[in-house]
Structure formats: structure tokens, C-alpha cells
Amino acid sequence: MKQIDTMSLDEQLELVAYVAQKARQSQLTPKPRQKWRDIRGLLKEHAPSEDAQTWISQTRREGDEQRESQLRRQG
């Protein structure tokens, strides 16, 4: 980002056009969907006796806490 200040106006405009084109391409490229049979068996830590919704809520809460911790360290 610091290098932008040293660029000419034409170079800056070219960079903006390039970034916009890359953003459009990534937006238009659909991500391949995973099939359930491909991910079957990946969840080994889930105990069969544990309620699925409870496990999902706990896992999401842990992920949120981890992301918040990372953001605090960065900021």
C-alpha cells in the first residue's frame, strides 16, 4: 500500500482496474460444493450420545472466541 504513493496516476489506475477485474473473477467463479459422501467420517470427536445441536453451538462458540482472540492480538 505504501508503494501506491510512489506510482504515477496511470499506474495507480491500472492497478485499480486490475484489482477490480480480479474481484469480479473471484465473484463469478463458483466454489465447488462438497458432497456429503466426501466428508462422511471426518467428525470423529463427536460422541454419539451428545446432542448434535449442542455440539454445533459449542463448536461455533469456540470458533467465535478463537477469532476474537486473534483479532485482539492483531489490533
N, C-alpha and C. Protein backbone atom coordinates (compact mmCIF):
# COMPACT_ATOMS: atom_id res chain seq x y z
N MET A 1 0.82 -1.18 0.00
CA MET A 1 0.00 0.00 0.00
C MET A 1 0.88 1.26 0.00
N LYS A 2 2.01 1.18 0.66
CA LYS A 2 2.90 2.33 0.70
C LYS A 2 3.46 2.63 -0.68
N GLN A 3 3.59 1.60 -1.51
CA GLN A 3 4.15 1.78 -2.85
C GLN A 3 3.21 2.56 -3.76
N ILE A 4 1.93 2.58 -3.46
CA ILE A 4 0.97 3.28 -4.30
C ILE A 4 1.31 4.76 -4.40
N ASP A 5 1.79 5.34 -3.30
CA ASP A 5 2.13 6.76 -3.30
C ASP A 5 3.26 7.08 -4.26
N THR A 6 4.10 6.11 -4.58
CA THR A 6 5.22 6.36 -5.48
C THR A 6 4.86 6.10 -6.94
N MET A 7 3.66 5.60 -7.18
CA MET A 7 3.24 5.27 -8.54
C MET A 7 2.65 6.49 -9.24
N SER A 8 2.77 6.48 -10.56
CA SER A 8 2.14 7.55 -11.34
C SER A 8 0.64 7.32 -11.37
N LEU A 9 -0.10 8.34 -11.80
CA LEU A 9 -1.55 8.23 -11.88
C LEU A 9 -1.95 7.10 -12.81
N ASP A 10 -1.29 6.97 -13.94
CA ASP A 10 -1.61 5.89 -14.88
C ASP A 10 -1.38 4.52 -14.25
N GLU A 11 -0.29 4.38 -13.50
CA GLU A 11 -0.01 3.11 -12.84
C GLU A 11 -1.06 2.81 -11.76
N GLN A 12 -1.46 3.84 -11.02
CA GLN A 12 -2.49 3.66 -10.00
C GLN A 12 -3.81 3.22 -10.62
N LEU A 13 -4.20 3.86 -11.73
CA LEU A 13 -5.44 3.50 -12.40
C LEU A 13 -5.37 2.07 -12.96
N GLU A 14 -4.21 1.71 -13.47
CA GLU A 14 -4.03 0.34 -13.98
C GLU A 14 -4.17 -0.67 -12.84
N LEU A 15 -3.61 -0.34 -11.69
CA LEU A 15 -3.71 -1.21 -10.52
C LEU A 15 -5.16 -1.35 -10.06
N VAL A 16 -5.89 -0.24 -10.04
CA VAL A 16 -7.30 -0.28 -9.65
C VAL A 16 -8.09 -1.16 -10.60
N ALA A 17 -7.85 -1.02 -11.90
CA ALA A 17 -8.55 -1.84 -12.89
C ALA A 17 -8.21 -3.31 -12.70
N TYR A 18 -6.96 -3.62 -12.42
CA TYR A 18 -6.53 -5.00 -12.21
C TYR A 18 -7.23 -5.60 -10.99
N VAL A 19 -7.25 -4.85 -9.88
CA VAL A 19 -7.88 -5.35 -8.65
C VAL A 19 -9.38 -5.55 -8.87
N ALA A 20 -10.02 -4.62 -9.57
CA ALA A 20 -11.45 -4.75 -9.84
C ALA A 20 -11.72 -5.99 -10.69
N GLN A 21 -10.90 -6.23 -11.70
CA GLN A 21 -11.06 -7.41 -12.56
C GLN A 21 -10.89 -8.70 -11.75
N LYS A 22 -9.89 -8.76 -10.87
CA LYS A 22 -9.66 -9.94 -10.04
C LYS A 22 -10.86 -10.17 -9.12
N ALA A 23 -11.41 -9.11 -8.56
CA ALA A 23 -12.56 -9.24 -7.67
C ALA A 23 -13.76 -9.78 -8.44
N ARG A 24 -13.96 -9.27 -9.67
CA ARG A 24 -15.07 -9.77 -10.49
C ARG A 24 -14.90 -11.23 -10.81
N GLN A 25 -13.70 -11.64 -11.14
CA GLN A 25 -13.45 -13.04 -11.48
C GLN A 25 -13.71 -13.95 -10.28
N SER A 26 -13.28 -13.55 -9.12
CA SER A 26 -13.47 -14.41 -7.94
C SER A 26 -14.95 -14.46 -7.56
N GLN A 27 -15.68 -13.40 -7.84
CA GLN A 27 -17.10 -13.38 -7.53
C GLN A 27 -17.87 -14.28 -8.50
N LEU A 28 -17.42 -14.34 -9.74
CA LEU A 28 -18.12 -15.12 -10.76
C LEU A 28 -17.76 -16.59 -10.74
N THR A 29 -16.61 -16.92 -10.16
CA THR A 29 -16.17 -18.31 -10.13
C THR A 29 -16.86 -19.03 -8.98
N PRO A 30 -17.77 -19.94 -9.29
CA PRO A 30 -18.45 -20.65 -8.20
C PRO A 30 -17.50 -21.62 -7.52
N LYS A 31 -17.62 -21.69 -6.22
CA LYS A 31 -16.81 -22.64 -5.47
C LYS A 31 -17.45 -24.02 -5.58
N PRO A 32 -16.63 -25.03 -5.79
CA PRO A 32 -17.21 -26.38 -5.90
C PRO A 32 -17.84 -26.80 -4.58
N ARG A 33 -19.00 -27.39 -4.67
CA ARG A 33 -19.70 -27.86 -3.47
C ARG A 33 -19.18 -29.23 -3.09
N GLN A 34 -19.00 -29.41 -1.79
CA GLN A 34 -18.59 -30.72 -1.31
C GLN A 34 -19.80 -31.63 -1.24
N LYS A 35 -19.55 -32.87 -1.53
CA LYS A 35 -20.62 -33.86 -1.43
C LYS A 35 -20.55 -34.49 -0.04
N TRP A 36 -21.71 -34.80 0.49
CA TRP A 36 -21.77 -35.39 1.82
C TRP A 36 -20.93 -36.66 1.91
N ARG A 37 -20.92 -37.46 0.87
CA ARG A 37 -20.17 -38.71 0.94
C ARG A 37 -18.66 -38.45 1.02
N ASP A 38 -18.21 -37.27 0.55
CA ASP A 38 -16.78 -36.93 0.62
C ASP A 38 -16.34 -36.55 2.02
N ILE A 39 -17.27 -36.03 2.82
CA ILE A 39 -16.89 -35.59 4.17
C ILE A 39 -17.36 -36.56 5.25
N ARG A 40 -18.03 -37.61 4.85
CA ARG A 40 -18.51 -38.60 5.81
C ARG A 40 -17.35 -39.18 6.61
N GLY A 41 -17.52 -39.26 7.90
CA GLY A 41 -16.50 -39.85 8.76
C GLY A 41 -15.44 -38.88 9.25
N LEU A 42 -15.48 -37.62 8.83
CA LEU A 42 -14.47 -36.66 9.26
C LEU A 42 -14.68 -36.19 10.70
N LEU A 43 -15.88 -36.31 11.19
CA LEU A 43 -16.21 -35.84 12.52
C LEU A 43 -16.08 -36.98 13.52
N LYS A 44 -14.85 -37.22 13.97
CA LYS A 44 -14.59 -38.34 14.86
C LYS A 44 -14.75 -37.97 16.32
N GLU A 45 -14.59 -36.66 16.66
CA GLU A 45 -14.61 -36.28 18.06
C GLU A 45 -16.02 -36.16 18.63
N HIS A 46 -17.02 -36.18 17.78
CA HIS A 46 -18.41 -36.06 18.24
C HIS A 46 -18.87 -37.37 18.86
N ALA A 47 -19.26 -37.30 20.12
CA ALA A 47 -19.74 -38.51 20.81
C ALA A 47 -21.17 -38.80 20.37
N PRO A 48 -21.49 -40.06 20.07
CA PRO A 48 -22.84 -40.39 19.62
C PRO A 48 -23.93 -40.02 20.62
N SER A 49 -23.59 -39.97 21.89
CA SER A 49 -24.60 -39.64 22.90
C SER A 49 -24.82 -38.13 23.03
N GLU A 50 -23.94 -37.33 22.45
CA GLU A 50 -24.04 -35.87 22.55
C GLU A 50 -25.07 -35.35 21.56
N ASP A 51 -25.89 -34.40 22.00
CA ASP A 51 -26.88 -33.79 21.13
C ASP A 51 -26.18 -33.00 20.03
N ALA A 52 -26.59 -33.22 18.79
CA ALA A 52 -25.94 -32.58 17.65
C ALA A 52 -26.03 -31.07 17.72
N GLN A 53 -27.18 -30.53 18.07
CA GLN A 53 -27.33 -29.07 18.13
C GLN A 53 -26.45 -28.47 19.22
N THR A 54 -26.33 -29.17 20.35
CA THR A 54 -25.45 -28.71 21.42
C THR A 54 -24.01 -28.67 20.94
N TRP A 55 -23.60 -29.72 20.22
CA TRP A 55 -22.23 -29.79 19.71
C TRP A 55 -21.98 -28.67 18.71
N ILE A 56 -22.93 -28.42 17.81
CA ILE A 56 -22.77 -27.36 16.81
C ILE A 56 -22.66 -26.00 17.49
N SER A 57 -23.52 -25.73 18.44
CA SER A 57 -23.49 -24.44 19.15
C SER A 57 -22.17 -24.25 19.88
N GLN A 58 -21.70 -25.29 20.54
CA GLN A 58 -20.43 -25.21 21.26
C GLN A 58 -19.27 -24.98 20.30
N THR A 59 -19.27 -25.69 19.19
CA THR A 59 -18.20 -25.54 18.20
C THR A 59 -18.18 -24.14 17.62
N ARG A 60 -19.35 -23.60 17.33
CA ARG A 60 -19.42 -22.22 16.81
C ARG A 60 -18.94 -21.22 17.84
N ARG A 61 -19.35 -21.41 19.09
CA ARG A 61 -18.93 -20.51 20.16
C ARG A 61 -17.40 -20.55 20.32
N GLU A 62 -16.82 -21.72 20.26
CA GLU A 62 -15.36 -21.84 20.38
C GLU A 62 -14.67 -21.15 19.21
N GLY A 63 -15.21 -21.31 18.00
CA GLY A 63 -14.64 -20.64 16.84
C GLY A 63 -14.72 -19.13 16.96
N ASP A 64 -15.87 -18.62 17.44
CA ASP A 64 -16.02 -17.18 17.65
C ASP A 64 -15.00 -16.67 18.65
N GLU A 65 -14.82 -17.40 19.74
CA GLU A 65 -13.86 -16.99 20.77
C GLU A 65 -12.45 -16.98 20.21
N GLN A 66 -12.12 -17.97 19.40
CA GLN A 66 -10.78 -18.04 18.81
C GLN A 66 -10.54 -16.87 17.86
N ARG A 67 -11.55 -16.54 17.03
CA ARG A 67 -11.41 -15.41 16.10
C ARG A 67 -11.27 -14.10 16.85
N GLU A 68 -12.07 -13.90 17.91
CA GLU A 68 -11.99 -12.68 18.70
C GLU A 68 -10.62 -12.56 19.36
N SER A 69 -10.08 -13.65 19.83
CA SER A 69 -8.74 -13.64 20.45
C SER A 69 -7.69 -13.25 19.43
N GLN A 70 -7.79 -13.78 18.22
CA GLN A 70 -6.82 -13.44 17.16
C GLN A 70 -6.93 -11.97 16.80
N LEU A 71 -8.16 -11.45 16.72
CA LEU A 71 -8.34 -10.03 16.38
C LEU A 71 -7.76 -9.12 17.47
N ARG A 72 -7.93 -9.51 18.74
CA ARG A 72 -7.37 -8.72 19.83
C ARG A 72 -5.85 -8.69 19.76
N ARG A 73 -5.24 -9.82 19.40
CA ARG A 73 -3.78 -9.88 19.29
C ARG A 73 -3.27 -9.03 18.13
N GLN A 74 -4.04 -8.97 17.04
CA GLN A 74 -3.63 -8.19 15.87
C GLN A 74 -3.81 -6.69 16.09
N GLY A 75 -4.84 -6.33 16.81
CA GLY A 75 -5.18 -4.91 16.97
C GLY A 75 -4.50 -4.32 18.10
